[in-house]
């Protein structure tokens, strides 16, 4: 629940002043044994859902942290889940709320409440098929923030003609931002940012080999771009790209009302 929703409920008398104060407290922290300290107010301050980073965490630890986050916040994203943990987590959280999963991205979204739709739209594209896992992270984050997604994959510069109809569609659907996910030389982000009048968020991926492998060439290329209006995330950071795109879109939605 975001800050505006809490204040609206207070104004309508649906919650007390004390309840509103507790919900709005910037210092409200949920201690989960000796495992984690959950920032209860983060989604209210920023409009970004809670994300539990699954990599290197055991199944019991993931369940414990995510279950508390779901109870306190109403929704949680678990990212970077390995293939052994994914089916177990899906089975467990299917009893707790609505589950949306991307096996390819190793990402799980659990929500107890219906996600409010802001009616804003974000575009997501990838240079290659190998970049889709990172793009799917971004997609789930954007959708969890209430935005629609127009996605199109495998349209890199090796076949430039594939890009133009995709951008035409995204412009016609009035996307508020475009996330461009690209490995290898990472040039697609720069190309897209020269063609559209909305913010472009580049995500270099670790796809590639030899000199400049593991995403280093793609990251350097995007950072050295001579185009303006291109923001660059860290290598493989689909979650961060989705969050930034969602924040941009939802900010626009607020002032359209």
Protein backbone atom coordinates (compact mmCIF):
# COMPACT_ATOMS: atom_id res chain seq x y z
CA UNK A 1 0.00 0.00 0.00
CA UNK A 2 1.41 3.38 -1.00
CA UNK A 3 1.41 6.54 1.10
CA UNK A 4 -1.41 8.18 -0.87
CA UNK A 5 -3.66 5.16 -0.30
CA UNK A 6 -2.99 5.26 3.44
CA UNK A 7 -3.78 8.97 3.64
CA UNK A 8 -6.96 8.43 1.61
CA UNK A 9 -8.09 5.71 4.02
CA UNK A 10 -7.34 7.99 6.96
CA UNK A 11 -9.36 10.82 5.39
CA UNK A 12 -12.31 8.47 4.87
CA UNK A 13 -12.12 7.23 8.45
CA UNK A 14 -11.25 3.67 7.45
CA UNK A 15 -8.17 3.63 9.68
CA UNK A 16 -7.25 5.47 12.86
CA UNK A 17 -4.54 8.12 13.26
CA UNK A 18 -2.49 5.62 15.25
CA UNK A 19 -2.76 3.00 12.50
CA UNK A 20 -1.78 5.54 9.84
CA UNK A 21 1.17 6.72 11.91
CA UNK A 22 2.42 3.18 12.34
CA UNK A 23 2.03 2.40 8.64
CA UNK A 24 3.78 5.59 7.57
CA UNK A 25 6.68 5.36 9.99
CA UNK A 26 9.99 5.51 8.16
CA UNK A 27 11.59 3.68 11.04
CA UNK A 28 9.25 0.69 11.07
CA UNK A 29 11.41 -2.41 10.82
CA UNK A 30 10.38 -6.06 11.04
CA UNK A 31 13.08 -8.24 12.56
CA UNK A 32 13.05 -11.76 11.12
CA UNK A 33 15.06 -13.70 13.69
CA UNK A 34 18.75 -13.15 12.93
CA UNK A 35 18.17 -13.43 9.18
CA UNK A 36 16.84 -10.10 7.95
CA UNK A 37 15.54 -6.67 8.90
CA UNK A 38 12.52 -5.90 6.72
CA UNK A 39 11.99 -2.24 5.80
CA UNK A 40 8.22 -2.01 6.17
CA UNK A 41 7.90 1.47 4.67
CA UNK A 42 9.96 1.04 1.51
CA UNK A 43 7.05 0.36 -0.82
CA UNK A 44 5.11 3.29 0.64
CA UNK A 45 8.02 5.68 0.19
CA UNK A 46 9.03 4.55 -3.27
CA UNK A 47 6.13 2.61 -4.75
CA UNK A 48 8.42 -0.37 -5.39
CA UNK A 49 7.47 -3.83 -4.10
CA UNK A 50 9.68 -5.78 -1.71
CA UNK A 51 12.28 -7.94 -3.46
CA UNK A 52 13.95 -10.90 -1.77
CA UNK A 53 17.22 -11.79 -3.50
CA UNK A 54 17.16 -15.57 -3.75
CA UNK A 55 20.73 -16.25 -4.77
CA UNK A 56 22.78 -17.98 -2.04
CA UNK A 57 19.75 -18.28 0.28
CA UNK A 58 18.43 -21.69 1.32
CA UNK A 59 14.82 -22.69 0.77
CA UNK A 60 13.83 -22.35 4.47
CA UNK A 61 15.40 -18.89 4.68
CA UNK A 62 13.62 -17.72 1.52
CA UNK A 63 10.27 -18.98 2.80
CA UNK A 64 10.71 -17.33 6.17
CA UNK A 65 11.67 -13.91 4.79
CA UNK A 66 9.20 -13.89 1.90
CA UNK A 67 6.31 -15.06 4.08
CA UNK A 68 6.80 -12.18 6.50
CA UNK A 69 7.13 -9.71 3.63
CA UNK A 70 3.91 -11.01 2.09
CA UNK A 71 2.05 -10.79 5.39
CA UNK A 72 3.19 -7.25 6.16
CA UNK A 73 3.18 -5.76 2.66
CA UNK A 74 0.66 -7.81 0.69
CA UNK A 75 3.11 -8.64 -2.10
CA UNK A 76 6.68 -9.84 -2.54
CA UNK A 77 9.05 -10.64 -5.40
CA UNK A 78 11.63 -13.40 -5.03
CA UNK A 79 14.42 -13.11 -7.59
CA UNK A 80 17.32 -15.28 -8.75
CA UNK A 81 15.71 -18.54 -7.60
CA UNK A 82 17.49 -21.72 -8.66
CA UNK A 83 15.71 -24.48 -10.58
CA UNK A 84 15.47 -26.75 -7.52
CA UNK A 85 13.82 -24.13 -5.34
CA UNK A 86 11.35 -22.76 -7.90
CA UNK A 87 8.77 -25.61 -7.85
CA UNK A 88 8.88 -25.83 -4.05
CA UNK A 89 8.38 -22.09 -3.63
CA UNK A 90 5.54 -22.04 -6.17
CA UNK A 91 3.77 -24.88 -4.34
CA UNK A 92 4.21 -23.23 -0.94
CA UNK A 93 3.09 -19.74 -1.94
CA UNK A 94 0.16 -20.92 -4.06
CA UNK A 95 -1.58 -21.39 -0.71
CA UNK A 96 -0.75 -17.84 0.33
CA UNK A 97 -1.86 -15.76 -2.66
CA UNK A 98 -1.73 -15.33 -6.41
CA UNK A 99 1.58 -16.53 -7.85
CA UNK A 100 3.15 -15.35 -11.12
CA UNK A 101 6.39 -17.07 -12.05
CA UNK A 102 9.01 -16.85 -14.76
CA UNK A 103 11.03 -20.06 -14.82
CA UNK A 104 13.46 -18.52 -17.30
CA UNK A 105 14.20 -15.54 -15.07
CA UNK A 106 14.06 -17.53 -11.84
CA UNK A 107 11.65 -14.95 -10.47
CA UNK A 108 8.44 -15.37 -8.49
CA UNK A 109 5.79 -12.76 -7.66
CA UNK A 110 3.31 -13.45 -4.86
CA UNK A 111 0.41 -11.11 -4.12
CA UNK A 112 -2.47 -11.36 -1.67
CA UNK A 113 -4.27 -8.37 -3.16
CA UNK A 114 -5.15 -7.34 -6.68
CA UNK A 115 -2.42 -5.10 -8.09
CA UNK A 116 -3.89 -1.72 -8.96
CA UNK A 117 -3.48 -0.78 -12.63
CA UNK A 118 -2.04 2.69 -13.25
CA UNK A 119 -2.88 2.43 -16.98
CA UNK A 120 0.67 3.47 -17.89
CA UNK A 121 2.82 1.37 -20.23
CA UNK A 122 6.49 0.40 -20.35
CA UNK A 123 8.28 -1.09 -23.36
CA UNK A 124 10.83 -3.88 -22.94
CA UNK A 125 13.03 -5.22 -25.73
CA UNK A 126 16.05 -7.49 -25.98
CA UNK A 127 18.84 -7.71 -28.48
CA UNK A 128 18.92 -11.51 -28.42
CA UNK A 129 17.10 -14.57 -27.12
CA UNK A 130 19.87 -15.09 -24.56
CA UNK A 131 18.94 -11.75 -22.94
CA UNK A 132 15.32 -12.71 -22.24
CA UNK A 133 15.87 -13.93 -18.67
CA UNK A 134 16.99 -10.46 -17.58
CA UNK A 135 14.14 -8.84 -19.52
CA UNK A 136 11.64 -11.10 -17.75
CA UNK A 137 12.92 -9.84 -14.40
CA UNK A 138 12.18 -6.32 -15.56
CA UNK A 139 8.75 -7.31 -16.87
CA UNK A 140 7.63 -8.87 -13.60
CA UNK A 141 8.83 -5.85 -11.64
CA UNK A 142 7.02 -3.40 -13.94
CA UNK A 143 3.79 -5.41 -13.80
CA UNK A 144 4.04 -5.67 -10.01
CA UNK A 145 4.06 -1.87 -9.94
CA UNK A 146 0.74 -1.78 -11.78
CA UNK A 147 1.97 -0.91 -15.27
CA UNK A 148 1.26 -2.61 -18.56
CA UNK A 149 4.14 -4.01 -20.61
CA UNK A 150 4.72 -4.09 -24.35
CA UNK A 151 7.54 -6.61 -24.84
CA UNK A 152 9.39 -7.75 -27.95
CA UNK A 153 12.48 -9.94 -27.91
CA UNK A 154 15.38 -10.77 -30.25
CA UNK A 155 15.56 -7.58 -32.29
CA UNK A 156 19.26 -6.73 -32.04
CA UNK A 157 21.37 -4.75 -34.49
CA UNK A 158 22.46 -7.87 -36.39
CA UNK A 159 19.10 -7.48 -38.14
CA UNK A 160 18.35 -3.78 -37.76
CA UNK A 161 15.16 -3.95 -39.86
CA UNK A 162 13.48 -5.94 -37.07
CA UNK A 163 13.67 -2.96 -34.74
CA UNK A 164 11.67 -0.35 -36.62
CA UNK A 165 8.16 -1.92 -36.52
CA UNK A 166 8.66 -2.69 -32.83
CA UNK A 167 9.51 0.91 -31.96
CA UNK A 168 6.60 2.09 -34.09
CA UNK A 169 4.25 -0.11 -32.06
CA UNK A 170 5.66 1.10 -28.75
CA UNK A 171 5.39 4.75 -29.75
CA UNK A 172 1.80 4.21 -30.92
CA UNK A 173 0.97 2.67 -27.53
CA UNK A 174 2.53 5.68 -25.80
CA UNK A 175 5.05 3.87 -23.63
CA UNK A 176 6.50 6.07 -20.89
CA UNK A 177 9.93 4.39 -20.87
CA UNK A 178 11.73 1.64 -22.75
CA UNK A 179 14.00 -0.95 -21.15
CA UNK A 180 16.62 -2.25 -23.59
CA UNK A 181 18.38 -5.46 -22.56
CA UNK A 182 21.48 -6.35 -24.57
CA UNK A 183 24.63 -8.43 -24.22
CA UNK A 184 27.60 -8.83 -26.59
CA UNK A 185 28.54 -5.26 -27.69
CA UNK A 186 25.36 -3.75 -26.18
CA UNK A 187 24.80 -1.31 -29.04
CA UNK A 188 21.02 -1.67 -29.18
CA UNK A 189 20.42 0.65 -26.22
CA UNK A 190 22.23 3.54 -27.93
CA UNK A 191 20.39 2.94 -31.19
CA UNK A 192 16.98 2.94 -29.51
CA UNK A 193 17.72 6.08 -27.51
CA UNK A 194 18.38 8.02 -30.74
CA UNK A 195 14.93 7.15 -32.11
CA UNK A 196 12.43 7.82 -29.32
CA UNK A 197 11.44 10.75 -27.11
CA UNK A 198 11.01 8.75 -23.89
CA UNK A 199 13.60 7.68 -21.29
CA UNK A 200 15.59 4.62 -22.34
CA UNK A 201 17.05 2.32 -19.69
CA UNK A 202 19.90 0.14 -20.89
CA UNK A 203 20.66 -3.16 -19.19
CA UNK A 204 23.92 -4.82 -20.25
CA UNK A 205 23.85 -8.58 -19.81
CA UNK A 206 26.62 -11.08 -19.15
CA UNK A 207 25.97 -12.72 -22.53
CA UNK A 208 29.16 -12.80 -24.63
CA UNK A 209 32.58 -14.43 -24.74
CA UNK A 210 36.24 -13.68 -25.34
CA UNK A 211 37.48 -10.10 -24.98
CA UNK A 212 34.96 -8.01 -23.05
CA UNK A 213 33.00 -11.06 -21.94
CA UNK A 214 30.63 -11.34 -18.95
CA UNK A 215 28.92 -8.08 -19.86
CA UNK A 216 31.96 -5.81 -19.65
CA UNK A 217 31.87 -4.79 -23.32
CA UNK A 218 28.12 -4.15 -23.22
CA UNK A 219 28.42 -2.09 -20.04
CA UNK A 220 31.32 -0.03 -21.40
CA UNK A 221 29.48 0.56 -24.67
CA UNK A 222 26.33 1.82 -22.95
CA UNK A 223 28.27 4.02 -20.53
CA UNK A 224 30.28 5.52 -23.40
CA UNK A 225 27.18 6.16 -25.52
CA UNK A 226 27.16 9.49 -27.35
CA UNK A 227 23.34 9.60 -27.28
CA UNK A 228 21.49 11.58 -24.62
CA UNK A 229 18.70 10.37 -22.38
CA UNK A 230 20.12 6.87 -21.88
CA UNK A 231 20.31 5.56 -18.31
CA UNK A 232 22.43 2.47 -17.68
CA UNK A 233 21.94 -0.22 -15.04
CA UNK A 234 24.48 -2.69 -13.73
CA UNK A 235 25.13 -5.93 -15.61
CA UNK A 236 22.08 -8.27 -15.54
CA UNK A 237 20.10 -5.89 -13.31
CA UNK A 238 16.64 -6.46 -14.75
CA UNK A 239 14.98 -5.85 -11.39
CA UNK A 240 16.55 -2.40 -11.09
CA UNK A 241 15.62 -1.49 -14.66
CA UNK A 242 12.02 -2.55 -14.10
CA UNK A 243 11.83 -0.53 -10.90
CA UNK A 244 13.15 2.64 -12.57
CA UNK A 245 10.80 2.25 -15.54
CA UNK A 246 7.86 1.67 -13.19
CA UNK A 247 8.70 4.73 -11.09
CA UNK A 248 8.84 6.89 -14.23
CA UNK A 249 5.53 5.54 -15.54
CA UNK A 250 3.70 5.82 -12.23
CA UNK A 251 4.94 9.36 -11.70
CA UNK A 252 3.47 10.26 -15.07
CA UNK A 253 0.20 8.52 -14.15
CA UNK A 254 -0.12 10.64 -11.03
CA UNK A 255 -0.07 13.89 -12.99
CA UNK A 256 -2.38 12.64 -15.73
CA UNK A 257 -5.27 12.41 -13.28
